[in-house]
């Protein structure tokens, strides 16, 4: 790996490895004699005299670069290095390789490939704990990558990472992706693989694929999946963690239960439907279009985060489809868009009975004088009867206009558990004012409500300079319309 390293030494003792600290084995008049005895004994003990099992344990705790350096100490260390269990090839770990090469400098990608090939030739196929390659390689490098995957399979690797994703300025041409030979892993060492992470590859799933019996973690990023994941996932009976990011597949629909799955992340994938039966799911993250989501009644789900990417009003989808899919969730965060002019909606019979914390990141578009679209959010108190904390991060794309709120727009719905409310991006739209009044009057156990005119935590956050007129107007409206004696003990307006 490092051509600048000196030639291996012949059984050279390492003076740094001697035990030089005395061992105090007692107190009293015999202490000095005990210390002298310990010191005289420790002078003959050196690191390479330890049993091989102990030395392998020491080697496994070193980085790959440190392990290479240790291999030059003696023939014994050289033999141990050939069974090094953690192969991690990244820009950082390969920096400095081939440093002594004469002549013109080779391209970074060429040096990276040659460095891996050089190390692989030194190693034996043994039980490998970790095999990691993170570098923007492409289809034309297939012979090299195939050789590494074959070595990985022969070594019965437990944790495999092949991340070929391009950098910020790299090419993302999908036709230049490497085709991952899944059959090599499943044939030779499939029963050993516990985690598999792939990035920027083609993945072809044959109908007769037998899966990975011990796979607990699967991560796919920028992967083009050909075939049906139903051929793979049901055969991963102990799968606990699944992440799909920027992947392309027709749909993610698994007919059988994934009873061990407790973490599911699906972000920015081209999907028509998400249907995974995971009754023991505890964490769910989703970012994408408004598609059908079916999770099979995950009664243990603790937290869910959903980001909806759409240019239209999503209120009905959020409070019907998502509520049905996540009816048992305890903490929920949703990013979506609503329009002020949309008023009517159909109430859902499902209730979020376990929900304690709700964070909504809402983009509000439409005429600022229309209130109905924003007032629909009052339905939250009816939908989540045990809610304790409500956070509304709002981003309005229009300025507020003068007007008087209709304080009888919605009849208060008493809520006895809500203690904390925070509204950010309060520009003073009539709908915002009426919603704030409704929440203040309905939350009978409210301890604190914060009104903040600054836009926070939304995907679009205007500059403070450009937003200052709206912030000042929102502060003024909040002080004029909400600052009343009846709310003085709980209302806090930031300005």
Protein backbone atom coordinates (compact mmCIF):
# COMPACT_ATOMS: atom_id res chain seq x y z
CA UNK A 1 0.00 0.00 0.00
CA UNK A 2 2.66 2.46 0.98
CA UNK A 3 5.70 2.10 -1.30
CA UNK A 4 7.63 4.61 0.78
CA UNK A 5 7.76 2.20 3.73
CA UNK A 6 11.16 0.54 4.42
CA UNK A 7 11.76 -3.15 3.83
CA UNK A 8 10.50 -5.48 6.54
CA UNK A 9 12.92 -6.02 9.39
CA UNK A 10 14.07 -9.40 10.66
CA UNK A 11 12.54 -10.02 14.09
CA UNK A 12 13.62 -6.63 15.37
CA UNK A 13 12.53 -6.05 18.98
CA UNK A 14 10.63 -2.87 19.56
CA UNK A 15 11.93 -1.03 22.60
CA UNK A 16 8.73 1.00 22.73
CA UNK A 17 6.76 -2.15 23.49
CA UNK A 18 8.62 -3.03 26.70
CA UNK A 19 6.75 -2.74 29.95
CA UNK A 20 8.54 0.01 31.80
CA UNK A 21 6.01 0.99 34.49
CA UNK A 22 6.46 -0.74 37.87
CA UNK A 23 3.57 -2.66 39.36
CA UNK A 24 2.81 -1.83 42.96
CA UNK A 25 1.65 -5.05 44.57
CA UNK A 26 1.15 -3.92 48.13
CA UNK A 27 1.90 -1.49 50.87
CA UNK A 28 4.30 -1.57 53.83
CA UNK A 29 7.95 -2.54 54.21
CA UNK A 30 7.89 -5.10 51.36
CA UNK A 31 6.72 -2.62 48.71
CA UNK A 32 10.20 -1.68 47.42
CA UNK A 33 11.26 -5.30 47.09
CA UNK A 34 8.01 -6.14 45.25
CA UNK A 35 8.46 -3.25 42.81
CA UNK A 36 12.08 -4.24 42.05
CA UNK A 37 11.03 -7.82 41.35
CA UNK A 38 8.29 -6.69 38.97
CA UNK A 39 10.65 -4.38 37.10
CA UNK A 40 13.28 -7.07 36.64
CA UNK A 41 10.67 -9.51 35.31
CA UNK A 42 9.09 -7.00 32.88
CA UNK A 43 12.40 -6.29 31.16
CA UNK A 44 12.22 -9.61 29.30
CA UNK A 45 8.63 -9.21 28.03
CA UNK A 46 8.06 -7.74 24.56
CA UNK A 47 4.88 -7.30 22.56
CA UNK A 48 5.69 -9.87 19.89
CA UNK A 49 6.16 -12.54 22.59
CA UNK A 50 2.43 -12.49 23.32
CA UNK A 51 0.19 -15.29 21.93
CA UNK A 52 -1.09 -14.87 18.37
CA UNK A 53 -4.71 -14.56 19.51
CA UNK A 54 -3.78 -11.60 21.69
CA UNK A 55 -1.78 -10.00 18.89
CA UNK A 56 -4.67 -10.43 16.44
CA UNK A 57 -6.92 -8.68 18.93
CA UNK A 58 -4.45 -5.79 19.14
CA UNK A 59 -4.14 -5.62 15.35
CA UNK A 60 -7.92 -5.54 14.89
CA UNK A 61 -8.10 -2.37 16.98
CA UNK A 62 -5.67 -0.50 14.75
CA UNK A 63 -6.52 1.45 11.61
CA UNK A 64 -5.42 -0.07 8.34
CA UNK A 65 -2.55 2.41 7.97
CA UNK A 66 -1.35 1.59 11.50
CA UNK A 67 -1.62 -2.14 10.78
CA UNK A 68 0.54 -1.76 7.66
CA UNK A 69 3.19 0.03 9.67
CA UNK A 70 3.12 -2.69 12.33
CA UNK A 71 3.71 -5.32 9.64
CA UNK A 72 7.30 -4.14 9.11
CA UNK A 73 8.33 -4.82 12.69
CA UNK A 74 8.93 -8.53 12.25
CA UNK A 75 8.02 -11.60 10.26
CA UNK A 76 5.45 -12.47 12.90
CA UNK A 77 3.67 -9.14 12.49
CA UNK A 78 3.91 -9.55 8.72
CA UNK A 79 2.07 -12.88 8.93
CA UNK A 80 -0.56 -11.40 11.21
CA UNK A 81 -1.13 -8.45 8.85
CA UNK A 82 -2.14 -10.85 6.08
CA UNK A 83 -5.24 -11.69 8.13
CA UNK A 84 -6.17 -8.10 8.99
CA UNK A 85 -9.98 -8.09 9.51
CA UNK A 86 -10.95 -4.47 8.60
CA UNK A 87 -10.26 -3.32 5.05
CA UNK A 88 -11.40 0.28 4.60
CA UNK A 89 -10.47 1.95 1.32
CA UNK A 90 -11.42 5.64 1.10
CA UNK A 91 -9.69 8.83 0.06
CA UNK A 92 -8.61 9.35 3.65
CA UNK A 93 -7.21 5.86 4.31
CA UNK A 94 -5.44 5.70 0.92
CA UNK A 95 -3.90 9.15 1.14
CA UNK A 96 -0.15 8.88 0.77
CA UNK A 97 -0.16 5.52 -1.00
CA UNK A 98 2.40 5.12 -3.79
CA UNK A 99 4.10 8.23 -2.44
CA UNK A 100 7.54 7.12 -3.61
CA UNK A 101 6.52 6.41 -7.19
CA UNK A 102 8.87 8.11 -9.59
CA UNK A 103 7.83 9.82 -12.79
CA UNK A 104 4.73 11.86 -13.49
CA UNK A 105 1.91 11.62 -10.96
CA UNK A 106 -0.85 9.18 -11.83
CA UNK A 107 -4.52 10.23 -11.72
CA UNK A 108 -6.05 9.87 -8.28
CA UNK A 109 -8.47 7.16 -9.41
CA UNK A 110 -5.60 5.10 -10.89
CA UNK A 111 -3.57 5.40 -7.71
CA UNK A 112 -6.60 4.43 -5.63
CA UNK A 113 -7.23 1.25 -7.68
CA UNK A 114 -3.56 0.27 -7.69
CA UNK A 115 -3.36 0.80 -3.95
CA UNK A 116 -6.27 -1.59 -3.30
CA UNK A 117 -4.86 -4.18 -5.71
CA UNK A 118 -1.48 -3.97 -4.01
CA UNK A 119 -2.95 -4.58 -0.57
CA UNK A 120 -5.23 -7.36 -1.76
CA UNK A 121 -2.25 -9.28 -3.17
CA UNK A 122 -0.65 -9.28 0.29
CA UNK A 123 -3.69 -10.62 2.11
CA UNK A 124 -5.12 -14.08 2.60
CA UNK A 125 -8.76 -15.01 2.19
CA UNK A 126 -9.81 -15.39 5.79
CA UNK A 127 -12.71 -14.36 7.96
CA UNK A 128 -13.12 -10.67 7.14
CA UNK A 129 -15.11 -8.47 9.47
CA UNK A 130 -15.38 -5.34 7.31
CA UNK A 131 -14.76 -4.53 3.64
CA UNK A 132 -15.32 -0.91 2.59
CA UNK A 133 -14.70 0.87 -0.72
CA UNK A 134 -15.80 4.51 -1.00
CA UNK A 135 -14.70 6.17 -4.22
CA UNK A 136 -16.36 7.38 -7.43
CA UNK A 137 -15.58 4.40 -9.67
CA UNK A 138 -17.52 3.57 -12.82
CA UNK A 139 -18.51 0.84 -15.23
CA UNK A 140 -15.11 0.78 -16.95
CA UNK A 141 -13.51 -0.28 -13.66
CA UNK A 142 -15.62 -3.45 -13.52
CA UNK A 143 -12.67 -5.96 -13.71
CA UNK A 144 -11.06 -4.43 -10.64
CA UNK A 145 -14.28 -4.15 -8.63
CA UNK A 146 -15.31 -7.71 -9.53
CA UNK A 147 -11.95 -8.93 -8.22
CA UNK A 148 -12.51 -7.11 -4.93
CA UNK A 149 -16.04 -8.48 -4.54
CA UNK A 150 -14.78 -12.00 -5.24
CA UNK A 151 -12.12 -11.55 -2.55
CA UNK A 152 -14.77 -10.16 -0.21
CA UNK A 153 -17.02 -13.18 -0.79
CA UNK A 154 -14.15 -15.67 -0.41
CA UNK A 155 -13.18 -13.96 2.85
CA UNK A 156 -16.73 -14.33 4.17
CA UNK A 157 -17.02 -10.63 4.97
CA UNK A 158 -19.64 -9.67 7.53
CA UNK A 159 -20.00 -5.95 6.74
CA UNK A 160 -19.75 -4.88 3.09
CA UNK A 161 -19.80 -1.28 1.78
CA UNK A 162 -19.39 -0.41 -1.91
CA UNK A 163 -20.14 3.31 -2.25
CA UNK A 164 -19.34 4.58 -5.74
CA UNK A 165 -21.47 7.73 -5.48
CA UNK A 166 -20.06 10.76 -7.32
CA UNK A 167 -18.90 13.85 -5.50
CA UNK A 168 -20.61 17.25 -5.84
CA UNK A 169 -18.89 17.90 -9.18
CA UNK A 170 -18.77 14.30 -10.41
CA UNK A 171 -20.75 12.79 -13.25
CA UNK A 172 -23.97 11.01 -12.30
CA UNK A 173 -24.58 9.38 -15.70
CA UNK A 174 -26.76 6.39 -14.88
CA UNK A 175 -25.46 4.48 -17.91
CA UNK A 176 -21.98 4.51 -16.39
CA UNK A 177 -22.95 2.62 -13.24
CA UNK A 178 -21.22 -0.56 -12.15
CA UNK A 179 -23.44 -3.66 -12.09
CA UNK A 180 -23.14 -5.22 -8.67
CA UNK A 181 -22.75 -9.04 -8.85
CA UNK A 182 -25.16 -9.93 -6.07
CA UNK A 183 -24.90 -13.60 -6.93
CA UNK A 184 -21.22 -13.66 -5.89
CA UNK A 185 -22.01 -12.67 -2.32
CA UNK A 186 -25.08 -14.84 -1.96
CA UNK A 187 -23.31 -17.88 -3.45
CA UNK A 188 -20.03 -17.80 -1.52
CA UNK A 189 -20.64 -15.93 1.71
CA UNK A 190 -24.25 -14.85 1.74
CA UNK A 191 -24.89 -16.47 5.09
CA UNK A 192 -22.09 -14.38 6.61
CA UNK A 193 -23.14 -10.92 5.43
CA UNK A 194 -24.74 -8.96 8.27
CA UNK A 195 -24.79 -5.50 6.67
CA UNK A 196 -24.68 -4.45 3.03
CA UNK A 197 -24.40 -0.86 1.77
CA UNK A 198 -24.37 -0.04 -1.97
CA UNK A 199 -24.10 3.33 -3.70
CA UNK A 200 -24.43 4.29 -7.39
CA UNK A 201 -24.69 0.80 -8.85
CA UNK A 202 -27.09 -1.29 -10.90
CA UNK A 203 -28.68 -4.07 -8.88
CA UNK A 204 -30.36 -6.91 -10.74
CA UNK A 205 -32.52 -9.21 -8.64
CA UNK A 206 -33.10 -12.64 -10.20
CA UNK A 207 -36.43 -14.30 -9.35
CA UNK A 208 -34.68 -17.25 -7.69
CA UNK A 209 -32.45 -15.20 -5.42
CA UNK A 210 -32.11 -16.92 -2.05
CA UNK A 211 -31.42 -13.76 -0.02
CA UNK A 212 -29.10 -13.31 2.95
CA UNK A 213 -30.01 -15.37 5.97
CA UNK A 214 -28.16 -13.17 8.50
CA UNK A 215 -28.54 -9.73 6.89
CA UNK A 216 -29.57 -7.18 9.51
CA UNK A 217 -28.84 -3.89 7.74
CA UNK A 218 -29.36 -2.93 4.08
CA UNK A 219 -28.62 0.51 2.64
CA UNK A 220 -29.07 1.47 -1.02
CA UNK A 221 -28.21 4.94 -2.31
CA UNK A 222 -28.60 6.03 -5.95
CA UNK A 223 -29.15 2.40 -6.89
CA UNK A 224 -31.12 1.42 -9.98
CA UNK A 225 -32.99 -1.73 -9.01
CA UNK A 226 -34.00 -4.11 -11.78
CA UNK A 227 -36.31 -6.84 -10.66
CA UNK A 228 -38.55 -7.15 -7.63
CA UNK A 229 -37.37 -6.55 -4.09
CA UNK A 230 -39.91 -9.17 -3.11
CA UNK A 231 -37.29 -11.64 -4.33
CA UNK A 232 -34.76 -10.33 -1.83
CA UNK A 233 -36.27 -8.83 1.33
CA UNK A 234 -38.60 -11.65 2.46
CA UNK A 235 -35.58 -13.98 2.40
CA UNK A 236 -33.74 -11.65 4.79
CA UNK A 237 -35.61 -12.93 7.82
CA UNK A 238 -33.58 -11.02 10.43
CA UNK A 239 -33.48 -7.65 8.62
CA UNK A 240 -33.73 -4.82 11.18
CA UNK A 241 -32.58 -1.68 9.31
CA UNK A 242 -33.51 -0.66 5.74
CA UNK A 243 -32.56 2.59 4.00
CA UNK A 244 -33.34 3.52 0.39
CA UNK A 245 -32.18 6.92 -0.88
CA UNK A 246 -32.50 8.30 -4.42
CA UNK A 247 -33.18 4.83 -5.78
CA UNK A 248 -35.16 3.98 -8.87
CA UNK A 249 -37.68 1.15 -8.77
CA UNK A 250 -41.26 0.70 -9.86
CA UNK A 251 -42.66 0.08 -6.41
CA UNK A 252 -41.63 -1.14 -3.00
CA UNK A 253 -44.22 -3.74 -2.17
CA UNK A 254 -43.41 -6.72 0.04
CA UNK A 255 -46.09 -9.35 0.44
CA UNK A 256 -44.61 -11.03 3.52
CA UNK A 257 -44.07 -9.53 6.97
CA UNK A 258 -40.66 -8.21 7.94
CA UNK A 259 -41.19 -8.92 11.61
CA UNK A 260 -37.68 -7.85 12.73
CA UNK A 261 -37.61 -4.53 10.86
CA UNK A 262 -37.54 -1.59 13.27
CA UNK A 263 -35.95 1.18 11.13
CA UNK A 264 -37.17 2.19 7.66
CA UNK A 265 -35.96 5.16 5.60
CA UNK A 266 -37.17 5.88 2.07
CA UNK A 267 -36.01 9.23 0.64
CA UNK A 268 -36.25 10.76 -2.81
CA UNK A 269 -36.96 7.47 -4.54
CA UNK A 270 -39.01 7.17 -7.73
CA UNK A 271 -41.88 5.07 -6.43
CA UNK A 272 -45.55 4.56 -7.19
CA UNK A 273 -46.34 2.78 -3.94
CA UNK A 274 -44.73 1.92 -0.60
CA UNK A 275 -46.10 -1.25 0.96
CA UNK A 276 -43.98 -2.90 3.64
CA UNK A 277 -45.57 -4.88 6.43
CA UNK A 278 -43.43 -4.09 9.45
CA UNK A 279 -45.50 -4.61 12.61
CA UNK A 280 -42.53 -3.92 14.92
CA UNK A 281 -41.32 -0.76 13.19
CA UNK A 282 -40.15 1.94 15.63
CA UNK A 283 -38.63 4.58 13.31
CA UNK A 284 -39.89 5.73 9.89
CA UNK A 285 -38.45 8.42 7.62
CA UNK A 286 -39.91 9.31 4.25
CA UNK A 287 -39.25 12.04 1.69
CA UNK A 288 -40.97 12.06 -1.68
CA UNK A 289 -44.22 12.47 -3.53
CA UNK A 290 -47.69 11.77 -2.19
CA UNK A 291 -47.93 8.03 -2.76
CA UNK A 292 -49.88 5.29 -0.95
CA UNK A 293 -47.97 4.25 2.18
CA UNK A 294 -48.89 1.01 3.92
CA UNK A 295 -46.85 -0.21 6.87
CA UNK A 296 -49.01 -2.97 8.30
CA UNK A 297 -50.15 -1.43 11.60
CA UNK A 298 -46.80 -0.73 13.31
CA UNK A 299 -48.13 -0.53 16.88
CA UNK A 300 -44.67 0.09 18.41
CA UNK A 301 -43.70 3.04 16.23
CA UNK A 302 -42.08 5.81 18.28
CA UNK A 303 -41.03 8.42 15.74
CA UNK A 304 -41.81 9.32 12.13
CA UNK A 305 -40.52 12.09 9.86
CA UNK A 306 -42.22 12.81 6.53
CA UNK A 307 -41.23 15.36 3.89
CA UNK A 308 -43.69 15.75 1.03
CA UNK A 309 -42.35 17.12 -2.25
CA UNK A 310 -45.24 18.65 -4.18
CA UNK A 311 -46.46 21.99 -5.46
CA UNK A 312 -50.10 21.46 -4.50
CA UNK A 313 -52.12 21.44 -1.28
CA UNK A 314 -51.39 18.29 0.77
CA UNK A 315 -53.72 18.76 3.73
CA UNK A 316 -56.13 15.96 2.85
CA UNK A 317 -53.30 13.50 2.12
CA UNK A 318 -51.55 14.31 5.41
CA UNK A 319 -54.63 13.98 7.60
CA UNK A 320 -56.07 10.90 5.90
CA UNK A 321 -53.42 8.70 4.25
CA UNK A 322 -50.56 9.50 6.60
CA UNK A 323 -52.70 9.40 9.71
CA UNK A 324 -54.00 5.96 8.71
CA UNK A 325 -50.45 4.69 8.09
CA UNK A 326 -48.99 6.13 11.31
CA UNK A 327 -51.93 5.92 13.68
CA UNK A 328 -49.81 4.62 16.58
CA UNK A 329 -46.89 7.06 16.33
CA UNK A 330 -45.78 9.00 19.43
CA UNK A 331 -43.64 11.73 17.81
CA UNK A 332 -44.39 13.00 14.30
CA UNK A 333 -42.80 15.60 12.01
CA UNK A 334 -44.31 16.47 8.60
CA UNK A 335 -43.21 18.98 5.95
CA UNK A 336 -45.89 19.89 3.40
CA UNK A 337 -47.69 22.70 1.56
CA UNK A 338 -51.17 24.16 2.01
CA UNK A 339 -53.17 26.80 0.17
CA UNK A 340 -55.20 29.49 1.90
CA UNK A 341 -58.18 29.25 -0.44
CA UNK A 342 -58.90 25.56 0.17
CA UNK A 343 -61.53 25.29 2.90
CA UNK A 344 -63.42 22.00 2.85
CA UNK A 345 -61.96 18.67 3.87
CA UNK A 346 -63.23 15.29 5.02
CA UNK A 347 -62.54 14.43 8.63
CA UNK A 348 -60.78 11.16 9.32
CA UNK A 349 -62.28 8.58 11.65
CA UNK A 350 -58.77 7.45 12.69
CA UNK A 351 -57.27 9.14 15.74
CA UNK A 352 -53.62 9.60 16.68
CA UNK A 353 -54.24 8.34 20.19
CA UNK A 354 -50.56 7.88 21.11
CA UNK A 355 -49.25 11.12 19.62
CA UNK A 356 -47.50 13.33 22.17
CA UNK A 357 -45.34 15.61 20.01
CA UNK A 358 -46.22 17.03 16.59
CA UNK A 359 -43.99 19.23 14.41
CA UNK A 360 -45.45 20.64 11.18
CA UNK A 361 -43.28 22.51 8.67
CA UNK A 362 -45.80 24.24 6.43
CA UNK A 363 -45.41 26.35 3.30
CA UNK A 364 -48.45 28.62 2.95
CA UNK A 365 -49.40 29.93 -0.50
CA UNK A 366 -52.39 31.89 -1.68
CA UNK A 367 -54.24 35.08 -0.87
CA UNK A 368 -53.34 36.36 2.62
CA UNK A 369 -56.87 37.60 3.32
CA UNK A 370 -58.37 34.11 2.90
CA UNK A 371 -58.37 32.22 6.19
CA UNK A 372 -60.03 28.84 5.60
CA UNK A 373 -56.96 26.95 4.38
CA UNK A 374 -54.93 27.79 7.47
CA UNK A 375 -57.81 27.33 9.89
CA UNK A 376 -58.07 23.67 8.87
CA UNK A 377 -55.08 23.13 11.18
CA UNK A 378 -57.45 23.59 14.12
CA UNK A 379 -58.56 20.03 13.38
CA UNK A 380 -55.30 18.87 15.00
CA UNK A 381 -56.78 19.13 18.47
CA UNK A 382 -59.57 16.76 17.57
CA UNK A 383 -57.26 14.40 15.71
CA UNK A 384 -54.67 14.02 18.52
CA UNK A 385 -56.50 14.00 21.87
CA UNK A 386 -53.35 13.23 23.93
CA UNK A 387 -51.07 15.78 22.24
CA UNK A 388 -48.75 17.62 24.64
CA UNK A 389 -46.46 19.64 22.37
CA UNK A 390 -47.34 21.34 19.07
CA UNK A 391 -44.78 23.12 16.87
CA UNK A 392 -45.90 24.96 13.72
CA UNK A 393 -43.05 26.19 11.52
CA UNK A 394 -44.76 28.31 8.85
CA UNK A 395 -43.38 30.01 5.77
CA UNK A 396 -45.73 32.50 4.08
CA UNK A 397 -45.00 33.67 0.56
CA UNK A 398 -47.27 36.73 0.82
CA UNK A 399 -47.36 39.67 3.18
CA UNK A 400 -50.18 40.19 5.66
CA UNK A 401 -52.85 42.79 5.02
CA UNK A 402 -54.91 44.78 7.48
CA UNK A 403 -58.07 43.11 8.69
CA UNK A 404 -60.01 41.98 11.71
CA UNK A 405 -60.00 38.29 12.62
CA UNK A 406 -63.29 36.43 12.88
CA UNK A 407 -63.03 35.16 16.44
CA UNK A 408 -66.05 32.90 16.04
CA UNK A 409 -64.79 31.19 12.89
CA UNK A 410 -64.31 27.90 14.76
CA UNK A 411 -66.03 26.93 17.98
CA UNK A 412 -63.37 25.99 20.59
CA UNK A 413 -62.72 22.27 21.02
CA UNK A 414 -61.50 21.71 24.60
CA UNK A 415 -58.15 19.92 24.71
CA UNK A 416 -56.88 18.89 28.15
CA UNK A 417 -53.32 17.68 27.46
CA UNK A 418 -51.71 20.30 25.23
CA UNK A 419 -49.11 22.19 27.29
CA UNK A 420 -46.75 23.83 24.81
CA UNK A 421 -47.37 25.54 21.46
CA UNK A 422 -44.82 27.27 19.26
CA UNK A 423 -45.66 29.14 16.05
CA UNK A 424 -42.79 30.45 13.92
CA UNK A 425 -43.00 32.42 10.67
CA UNK A 426 -45.93 34.38 12.10
CA UNK A 427 -46.34 37.14 9.49
CA UNK A 428 -49.78 38.10 10.78
CA UNK A 429 -51.98 36.57 8.08
CA UNK A 430 -55.63 36.53 9.16
CA UNK A 431 -55.62 32.75 9.12
CA UNK A 432 -52.62 32.68 11.43
CA UNK A 433 -54.27 35.08 13.86
CA UNK A 434 -57.54 33.14 13.94
CA UNK A 435 -55.66 29.84 14.39
CA UNK A 436 -53.65 31.28 17.30
CA UNK A 437 -56.84 32.52 18.99
CA UNK A 438 -58.49 29.13 18.54
CA UNK A 439 -55.52 27.28 20.09
CA UNK A 440 -55.27 29.70 23.01
CA UNK A 441 -58.94 29.24 23.88
CA UNK A 442 -59.13 25.49 23.31
CA UNK A 443 -56.01 24.27 25.15
CA UNK A 444 -57.28 24.26 28.72
CA UNK A 445 -53.97 23.02 30.21
CA UNK A 446 -51.73 25.31 28.17
CA UNK A 447 -48.59 26.43 30.01
CA UNK A 448 -46.84 28.40 27.29
CA UNK A 449 -47.43 29.59 23.74
CA UNK A 450 -44.62 31.24 21.77
CA UNK A 451 -45.29 33.46 18.76
CA UNK A 452 -42.14 33.97 16.67
CA UNK A 453 -42.34 36.08 13.46
CA UNK A 454 -39.05 34.67 12.10
CA UNK A 455 -39.21 31.76 9.62
CA UNK A 456 -37.29 28.82 11.06
CA UNK A 457 -36.57 25.22 10.02
CA UNK A 458 -38.47 25.32 6.73
CA UNK A 459 -36.80 24.23 3.51
CA UNK A 460 -36.93 27.86 2.33
CA UNK A 461 -35.76 30.43 4.84
CA UNK A 462 -35.73 34.05 3.59
CA UNK A 463 -32.81 36.30 4.49
CA UNK A 464 -33.32 38.45 7.56
CA UNK A 465 -32.85 41.60 5.49
CA UNK A 466 -35.50 40.69 2.94
CA UNK A 467 -37.90 39.36 5.55
CA UNK A 468 -37.61 42.27 7.97
CA UNK A 469 -40.75 44.14 6.78
CA UNK A 470 -42.83 40.96 7.18
CA UNK A 471 -41.25 40.21 10.56
CA UNK A 472 -42.02 43.70 11.83
CA UNK A 473 -45.57 43.51 10.54
CA UNK A 474 -46.08 40.07 12.09
CA UNK A 475 -44.79 41.30 15.45
CA UNK A 476 -47.07 44.34 15.34
CA UNK A 477 -50.15 42.27 14.46
CA UNK A 478 -49.39 39.70 17.17
CA UNK A 479 -49.10 42.43 19.78
CA UNK A 480 -52.30 44.15 18.64
CA UNK A 481 -54.52 41.10 18.08
CA UNK A 482 -53.24 38.49 20.56
CA UNK A 483 -51.74 40.37 23.48
CA UNK A 484 -54.72 40.30 25.84
CA UNK A 485 -55.18 40.00 29.57
CA UNK A 486 -56.80 36.57 29.31
CA UNK A 487 -53.66 35.17 27.62
CA UNK A 488 -51.03 37.09 29.59
CA UNK A 489 -49.89 34.13 31.71
CA UNK A 490 -49.16 31.81 28.79
CA UNK A 491 -48.48 33.97 25.71
CA UNK A 492 -44.92 34.97 24.80
CA UNK A 493 -44.47 37.12 21.66
CA UNK A 494 -40.86 37.32 20.44
CA UNK A 495 -39.70 40.60 18.96
